[in-house]
Protein backbone atom coordinates (compact mmCIF):
# COMPACT_ATOMS: atom_id res chain seq x y z
CA UNK A 1 0.00 0.00 0.00
CA UNK A 2 0.48 1.10 -0.28
CA UNK A 3 2.39 0.52 0.79
CA UNK A 4 3.58 -2.71 -0.82
CA UNK A 5 6.61 -3.88 -2.73
CA UNK A 6 8.16 -7.19 -3.71
CA UNK A 7 9.44 -9.32 -0.85
CA UNK A 8 12.94 -9.26 -2.23
CA UNK A 9 14.71 -6.21 -3.65
CA UNK A 10 18.13 -7.75 -4.11
CA UNK A 11 17.73 -7.80 -7.88
CA UNK A 12 18.23 -4.05 -7.88
CA UNK A 13 21.48 -4.51 -6.01
CA UNK A 14 22.94 -7.52 -7.77
CA UNK A 15 21.06 -8.57 -10.88
CA UNK A 16 20.77 -4.97 -12.07
CA UNK A 17 24.43 -4.37 -11.32
CA UNK A 18 25.54 -7.46 -13.22
CA UNK A 19 26.87 -9.34 -10.22
CA UNK A 20 26.34 -13.09 -9.88
CA UNK A 21 26.62 -13.99 -6.22
CA UNK A 22 25.66 -17.66 -5.75
CA UNK A 23 22.21 -18.15 -4.27
CA UNK A 24 20.91 -14.81 -5.53
CA UNK A 25 20.44 -15.67 -9.18
CA UNK A 26 16.70 -16.23 -8.77
CA UNK A 27 16.01 -13.10 -6.73
CA UNK A 28 12.73 -11.56 -7.99
CA UNK A 29 12.47 -8.06 -9.45
CA UNK A 30 11.99 -4.87 -7.49
CA UNK A 31 8.47 -3.51 -7.46
CA UNK A 32 6.68 -0.82 -5.49
CA UNK A 33 2.96 -1.27 -6.05
CA UNK A 34 1.51 0.68 -3.17
CA UNK A 35 -1.33 -0.27 -0.93
CA UNK A 36 -2.20 0.06 2.67
CA UNK A 37 -3.81 2.13 5.39
CA UNK A 38 -7.30 0.86 4.60
CA UNK A 39 -8.47 1.59 8.09
CA UNK A 40 -8.10 5.27 7.45
CA UNK A 41 -10.69 5.10 4.68
CA UNK A 42 -14.40 6.02 4.48
CA UNK A 43 -17.46 4.33 6.11
CA UNK A 44 -21.21 4.21 5.84
CA UNK A 45 -23.55 6.64 7.55
CA UNK A 46 -24.96 5.52 10.90
CA UNK A 47 -28.25 3.69 10.56
CA UNK A 48 -31.35 5.69 11.46
CA UNK A 49 -32.38 5.08 15.02
CA UNK A 50 -28.91 3.93 16.12
CA UNK A 51 -26.90 5.55 18.91
CA UNK A 52 -24.54 6.99 16.30
CA UNK A 53 -27.49 8.44 14.42
CA UNK A 54 -28.90 10.04 17.55
CA UNK A 55 -25.55 11.58 18.32
CA UNK A 56 -25.31 12.89 14.77
CA UNK A 57 -28.82 14.35 14.95
CA UNK A 58 -27.88 16.23 18.11
CA UNK A 59 -25.06 17.89 16.17
CA UNK A 60 -27.08 18.74 13.07
CA UNK A 61 -25.21 20.07 10.05
CA UNK A 62 -26.54 22.00 7.06
CA UNK A 63 -28.33 19.88 4.48
CA UNK A 64 -25.89 18.00 2.19
CA UNK A 65 -23.07 18.16 4.74
CA UNK A 66 -21.84 15.57 7.24
CA UNK A 67 -21.48 16.24 10.96
CA UNK A 68 -18.16 15.60 12.71
CA UNK A 69 -19.68 12.53 14.37
CA UNK A 70 -20.71 11.10 11.01
CA UNK A 71 -17.30 11.80 9.48
CA UNK A 72 -15.53 10.10 12.39
CA UNK A 73 -17.61 6.96 11.77
CA UNK A 74 -17.40 6.97 7.98
CA UNK A 75 -13.66 7.53 7.76
CA UNK A 76 -12.99 4.16 9.44
CA UNK A 77 -14.91 2.18 6.79
CA UNK A 78 -12.98 1.07 3.67
CA UNK A 79 -16.25 0.76 1.69
CA UNK A 80 -18.00 3.87 2.89
CA UNK A 81 -19.43 7.12 1.54
CA UNK A 82 -16.60 9.64 1.72
CA UNK A 83 -14.27 10.60 -1.10
CA UNK A 84 -10.76 10.76 0.30
CA UNK A 85 -7.29 11.65 -0.97
CA UNK A 86 -5.45 8.99 1.01
CA UNK A 87 -1.73 9.84 1.15
CA UNK A 88 0.96 8.00 3.06
CA UNK A 89 4.73 8.24 3.21
CA UNK A 90 6.83 5.20 4.13
CA UNK A 91 10.49 5.39 5.11
CA UNK A 92 12.03 1.92 5.32
CA UNK A 93 15.51 0.79 6.31
CA UNK A 94 16.86 -2.23 4.41
CA UNK A 95 19.73 -4.56 5.23
CA UNK A 96 20.86 -8.05 4.22
CA UNK A 97 23.60 -10.31 2.92
CA UNK A 98 23.83 -8.45 -0.39
CA UNK A 99 24.74 -5.19 1.33
CA UNK A 100 27.16 -6.99 3.68
CA UNK A 101 28.87 -8.56 0.67
CA UNK A 102 29.22 -5.16 -1.00
CA UNK A 103 30.48 -3.58 2.22
CA UNK A 104 27.57 -1.15 2.28
CA UNK A 105 25.58 0.30 5.17
CA UNK A 106 21.81 -0.09 5.43
CA UNK A 107 19.85 1.62 2.67
CA UNK A 108 16.91 3.94 3.26
CA UNK A 109 14.00 3.81 0.84
CA UNK A 110 11.23 6.39 0.79
CA UNK A 111 7.91 5.92 -0.99
CA UNK A 112 4.96 8.31 -1.13
CA UNK A 113 1.67 6.60 -1.98
CA UNK A 114 -1.26 8.62 -3.31
CA UNK A 115 -4.67 6.92 -3.44
CA UNK A 116 -7.82 8.81 -4.39
CA UNK A 117 -10.68 6.83 -2.78
CA UNK A 118 -13.80 7.15 -4.94
CA UNK A 119 -17.02 5.29 -4.03
CA UNK A 120 -19.87 5.16 -6.55
CA UNK A 121 -23.44 3.89 -6.24
CA UNK A 122 -23.76 1.42 -9.13
CA UNK A 123 -27.39 0.46 -8.53
CA UNK A 124 -29.88 0.95 -5.73
CA UNK A 125 -28.23 -1.96 -3.89
CA UNK A 126 -24.62 -2.22 -5.17
CA UNK A 127 -21.61 0.00 -4.57
CA UNK A 128 -18.31 0.25 -6.47
CA UNK A 129 -15.16 1.65 -4.84
CA UNK A 130 -12.30 2.64 -7.15
CA UNK A 131 -8.82 3.35 -5.77
CA UNK A 132 -6.00 4.06 -8.23
CA UNK A 133 -2.71 3.74 -6.33
CA UNK A 134 0.24 5.87 -7.47
CA UNK A 135 3.74 5.73 -5.96
CA UNK A 136 6.60 8.23 -6.04
CA UNK A 137 9.88 6.67 -4.93
CA UNK A 138 13.24 7.96 -3.74
CA UNK A 139 15.64 5.00 -3.44
CA UNK A 140 19.34 4.13 -3.51
CA UNK A 141 19.89 2.27 -6.79
CA UNK A 142 23.16 0.49 -7.69
CA UNK A 143 25.18 1.14 -10.82
CA UNK A 144 28.07 -0.98 -12.06
CA UNK A 145 31.36 0.31 -13.41
CA UNK A 146 34.82 -1.01 -14.22
CA UNK A 147 37.04 -0.86 -11.19
CA UNK A 148 39.25 -2.76 -8.82
CA UNK A 149 38.55 -6.50 -9.05
CA UNK A 150 36.36 -7.63 -6.18
CA UNK A 151 36.59 -11.18 -4.90
CA UNK A 152 33.29 -12.87 -4.31
CA UNK A 153 32.19 -16.50 -3.98
CA UNK A 154 32.59 -18.11 -7.35
CA UNK A 155 35.42 -16.01 -8.75
CA UNK A 156 36.55 -12.44 -9.38
CA UNK A 157 34.53 -9.72 -11.02
CA UNK A 158 36.35 -6.70 -12.51
CA UNK A 159 33.63 -4.28 -11.47
CA UNK A 160 32.74 -1.92 -8.67
CA UNK A 161 29.28 -0.92 -7.51
CA UNK A 162 28.19 2.63 -6.74
CA UNK A 163 24.86 3.75 -5.33
CA UNK A 164 22.92 6.73 -6.57
CA UNK A 165 19.80 8.27 -5.07
CA UNK A 166 17.01 8.28 -7.67
CA UNK A 167 13.47 9.59 -7.95
CA UNK A 168 11.05 7.56 -10.05
CA UNK A 169 7.40 6.62 -10.38
CA UNK A 170 6.45 3.04 -9.59
CA UNK A 171 3.86 0.73 -11.12
CA UNK A 172 0.23 1.80 -10.72
CA UNK A 173 -2.37 -0.41 -9.02
CA UNK A 174 -6.06 -0.10 -9.93
CA UNK A 175 -8.05 -1.35 -6.92
CA UNK A 176 -11.69 -2.24 -7.65
CA UNK A 177 -14.10 -3.37 -4.92
CA UNK A 178 -17.80 -4.24 -5.04
CA UNK A 179 -20.30 -4.63 -2.19
CA UNK A 180 -24.00 -4.44 -1.53
CA UNK A 181 -25.21 -1.64 0.70
CA UNK A 182 -25.68 -4.19 3.47
CA UNK A 183 -22.15 -5.62 3.00
CA UNK A 184 -20.71 -2.10 3.27
CA UNK A 185 -22.60 -1.20 6.45
CA UNK A 186 -20.77 -1.50 9.83
CA UNK A 187 -20.10 -3.23 12.07
CA UNK A 188 -19.14 -6.14 9.75
CA UNK A 189 -17.98 -5.07 6.29
CA UNK A 190 -17.25 -7.33 3.33
CA UNK A 191 -16.16 -6.63 -0.24
CA UNK A 192 -14.58 -8.32 -3.24
CA UNK A 193 -13.29 -7.39 -6.66
CA UNK A 194 -10.26 -7.25 -8.93
CA UNK A 195 -6.88 -5.58 -8.77
CA UNK A 196 -4.75 -4.60 -11.76
CA UNK A 197 -1.07 -3.66 -11.79
CA UNK A 198 -0.06 -1.39 -14.69
CA UNK A 199 3.66 -1.10 -15.66
CA UNK A 200 4.01 2.67 -15.30
CA UNK A 201 7.42 2.71 -13.56
CA UNK A 202 9.81 5.25 -15.07
CA UNK A 203 12.85 3.08 -14.25
CA UNK A 204 13.19 -0.71 -14.49
CA UNK A 205 14.35 -0.94 -10.87
CA UNK A 206 11.07 0.57 -9.66
CA UNK A 207 8.58 -1.77 -11.33
CA UNK A 208 7.87 -5.16 -12.84
CA UNK A 209 7.59 -4.34 -16.54
CA UNK A 210 4.44 -6.48 -16.55
CA UNK A 211 0.68 -6.13 -16.73
CA UNK A 212 -0.67 -8.14 -13.80
CA UNK A 213 -4.19 -8.92 -12.58
CA UNK A 214 -5.82 -10.85 -9.77
CA UNK A 215 -8.51 -10.93 -7.10
CA UNK A 216 -8.98 -8.77 -4.03
CA UNK A 217 -11.20 -9.20 -0.99
CA UNK A 218 -11.68 -7.62 2.41
CA UNK A 219 -13.42 -8.35 5.70
CA UNK A 220 -13.33 -5.67 8.39
CA UNK A 221 -15.13 -5.25 11.72
CA UNK A 222 -15.65 -1.62 12.77
CA UNK A 223 -16.79 -1.40 16.37
CA UNK A 224 -18.09 1.67 18.21
CA UNK A 225 -15.84 4.08 20.16
CA UNK A 226 -14.25 2.06 22.95
CA UNK A 227 -14.35 -1.04 20.74
CA UNK A 228 -12.09 -2.42 18.00
CA UNK A 229 -11.39 -2.21 14.30
CA UNK A 230 -10.07 -5.54 13.04
CA UNK A 231 -9.82 -7.14 9.63
CA UNK A 232 -7.91 -8.24 6.56
CA UNK A 233 -7.52 -6.77 3.07
CA UNK A 234 -5.95 -9.22 0.59
CA UNK A 235 -4.74 -8.84 -3.00
CA UNK A 236 -2.90 -11.12 -5.43
CA UNK A 237 -1.36 -10.53 -8.86
CA UNK A 238 -0.26 -12.78 -11.72
CA UNK A 239 1.37 -11.28 -14.82
CA UNK A 240 -0.59 -11.62 -18.07
CA UNK A 241 1.43 -9.47 -20.49
CA UNK A 242 4.45 -7.21 -20.68
CA UNK A 243 8.19 -7.38 -21.23
CA UNK A 244 9.12 -11.00 -21.89
CA UNK A 245 12.65 -10.33 -20.62
CA UNK A 246 11.38 -9.41 -17.15
CA UNK A 247 10.67 -11.92 -14.39
CA UNK A 248 7.18 -13.31 -13.84
CA UNK A 249 4.86 -11.77 -11.23
CA UNK A 250 3.17 -13.98 -8.64
CA UNK A 251 2.71 -11.69 -5.66
CA UNK A 252 0.40 -11.61 -2.62
CA UNK A 253 -0.26 -8.62 -0.37
CA UNK A 254 -2.21 -8.98 2.88
CA UNK A 255 -2.90 -5.99 5.08
CA UNK A 256 -4.01 -6.92 8.59
CA UNK A 257 -5.72 -4.36 10.79
CA UNK A 258 -6.11 -4.11 14.55
CA UNK A 259 -7.00 -0.77 16.12
CA UNK A 260 -8.58 0.14 19.45
CA UNK A 261 -10.93 3.10 19.20
CA UNK A 262 -9.88 5.35 22.06
CA UNK A 263 -12.52 7.93 21.03
CA UNK A 264 -14.80 8.37 18.06
CA UNK A 265 -11.94 10.24 16.29
CA UNK A 266 -8.76 8.51 17.53
CA UNK A 267 -7.49 4.94 17.08
CA UNK A 268 -4.37 3.20 18.38
CA UNK A 269 -3.02 0.03 16.79
CA UNK A 270 -1.47 -1.05 13.49
CA UNK A 271 -2.24 -1.83 9.85
CA UNK A 272 0.92 -3.19 8.15
CA UNK A 273 1.23 -5.14 4.92
CA UNK A 274 2.50 -8.73 4.66
CA UNK A 275 3.88 -9.65 1.24
CA UNK A 276 4.72 -13.01 -0.30
CA UNK A 277 6.62 -13.33 -3.59
CA UNK A 278 5.85 -16.83 -4.82
CA UNK A 279 8.57 -16.68 -7.49
CA UNK A 280 11.26 -16.50 -4.78
CA UNK A 281 12.81 -19.36 -2.83
CA UNK A 282 10.84 -20.26 0.29
CA UNK A 283 13.40 -18.67 2.62
CA UNK A 284 13.31 -15.43 0.62
CA UNK A 285 9.54 -15.23 0.06
CA UNK A 286 7.92 -13.50 3.03
CA UNK A 287 8.03 -9.98 4.42
CA UNK A 288 6.16 -9.72 7.74
CA UNK A 289 6.05 -6.48 9.78
CA UNK A 290 4.62 -5.82 13.24
CA UNK A 291 4.20 -2.42 14.81
CA UNK A 292 2.19 0.20 16.63
CA UNK A 293 0.84 3.65 15.93
CA UNK A 294 -2.16 5.94 16.05
CA UNK A 295 -4.43 7.92 13.76
CA UNK A 296 -6.94 10.64 14.44
CA UNK A 297 -9.37 12.88 12.58
CA UNK A 298 -8.77 16.60 12.90
CA UNK A 299 -9.39 19.75 10.90
CA UNK A 300 -7.13 22.06 8.96
CA UNK A 301 -9.30 25.13 8.77
CA UNK A 302 -12.65 23.65 7.77
CA UNK A 303 -11.13 20.63 6.01
CA UNK A 304 -11.46 17.27 7.86
CA UNK A 305 -8.21 15.31 7.65
CA UNK A 306 -7.12 11.90 8.89
CA UNK A 307 -3.51 11.98 10.18
CA UNK A 308 -1.46 9.15 11.63
CA UNK A 309 1.96 7.82 12.54
CA UNK A 310 3.03 4.16 12.75
CA UNK A 311 6.31 2.37 13.49
CA UNK A 312 7.14 -1.10 12.15
CA UNK A 313 9.72 -3.79 12.77
CA UNK A 314 10.03 -6.62 10.25
CA UNK A 315 10.16 -9.98 12.01
CA UNK A 316 10.59 -11.78 8.70
CA UNK A 317 12.13 -10.55 5.45
CA UNK A 318 14.47 -11.92 2.76
CA UNK A 319 18.00 -12.53 4.05
CA UNK A 320 19.58 -11.28 0.84
CA UNK A 321 18.02 -7.84 0.97
CA UNK A 322 14.99 -7.09 3.11
CA UNK A 323 13.21 -4.52 5.22
CA UNK A 324 14.29 -4.14 8.85
CA UNK A 325 12.39 -1.15 10.29
CA UNK A 326 9.96 1.46 8.97
CA UNK A 327 8.01 4.61 9.74
CA UNK A 328 4.67 5.44 8.12
CA UNK A 329 3.07 8.90 8.01
CA UNK A 330 -0.60 9.22 7.01
CA UNK A 331 -2.34 12.33 5.71
CA UNK A 332 -5.81 11.86 4.23
CA UNK A 333 -8.00 14.90 3.53
CA UNK A 334 -11.66 14.47 2.62
CA UNK A 335 -12.33 15.75 -0.89
CA UNK A 336 -15.63 17.01 -2.35
CA UNK A 337 -17.89 14.19 -3.53
CA UNK A 338 -19.50 14.82 -6.93
CA UNK A 339 -23.29 14.61 -6.95
CA UNK A 340 -23.38 11.98 -9.70
CA UNK A 341 -21.49 9.49 -7.52
CA UNK A 342 -24.36 9.47 -5.00
CA UNK A 343 -27.01 8.52 -7.56
CA UNK A 344 -27.31 4.98 -9.00
CA UNK A 345 -25.36 4.87 -12.27
CA UNK A 346 -27.54 2.02 -13.54
CA UNK A 347 -31.25 1.37 -13.02
CA UNK A 348 -31.82 4.62 -11.19
């Protein structure tokens, strides 16, 4: 999530640089596909007659506008009513055998993920939520040059490796979810759909070079203030077209959510992304973070904004080159919702 990337990035450090360290020949390609932070997304309006509805009625807003109480409820629902410009910035520290071999310190990768969250009413009973996921990356990328011969297992290589900081766009993910009105209504929310990865990266090291598609599904429980938000958002991609010289894509991303609702506006907990690259060896396949953080809804002037901060430690990542620790910043302003998105697009 978004953010999400391949479970092994060593190809950018060895394969891209032309090195052939034994055991790393099958390392999968680097990819930043972006996804994550679903818990900071919209939710459905409180049902009439509920406690939430009564509270909202007591804080009446002008017609066509949401009260603060309604916004605080809706912003926790990934299949809700609000349009949102979900933005997160991830700074991740990477280490591993590849860097040790090259005599390099840990590398710091920074990715900004931008996800407009756009719910539409398809019919009287069905909703469609579209989330294009764009990533802007600033990473240390290796370059190979002739230099002093370097001994490595398997022989000598008359090259040296330098690292340059680069900005580049990553691949774009098109996230499509469907749900009935009942499925999208708290406390128990369910949705399903398709996810598409488009090869938009402006540098080979930042993407897959492939068109990839697959299923997505989510199940999230959103409890009342004082309760819990818990759930799973899963996606998977297989490549179907693209550069035949690039490695295949067979990638799973699972975001797991667990937040305690301290108040109607503030949550404490975590929502990291587990990734599994099924093209990698079993001991290089998984990236599993754990962490803790908070998010809250506030206002900048009159604009409601979701802000958050989370810290992660990776208990499992590829030995060759994998994530060790990370910091995630969340900034998600609510954006105006066009009138046509509220009306059924079909059968209305």
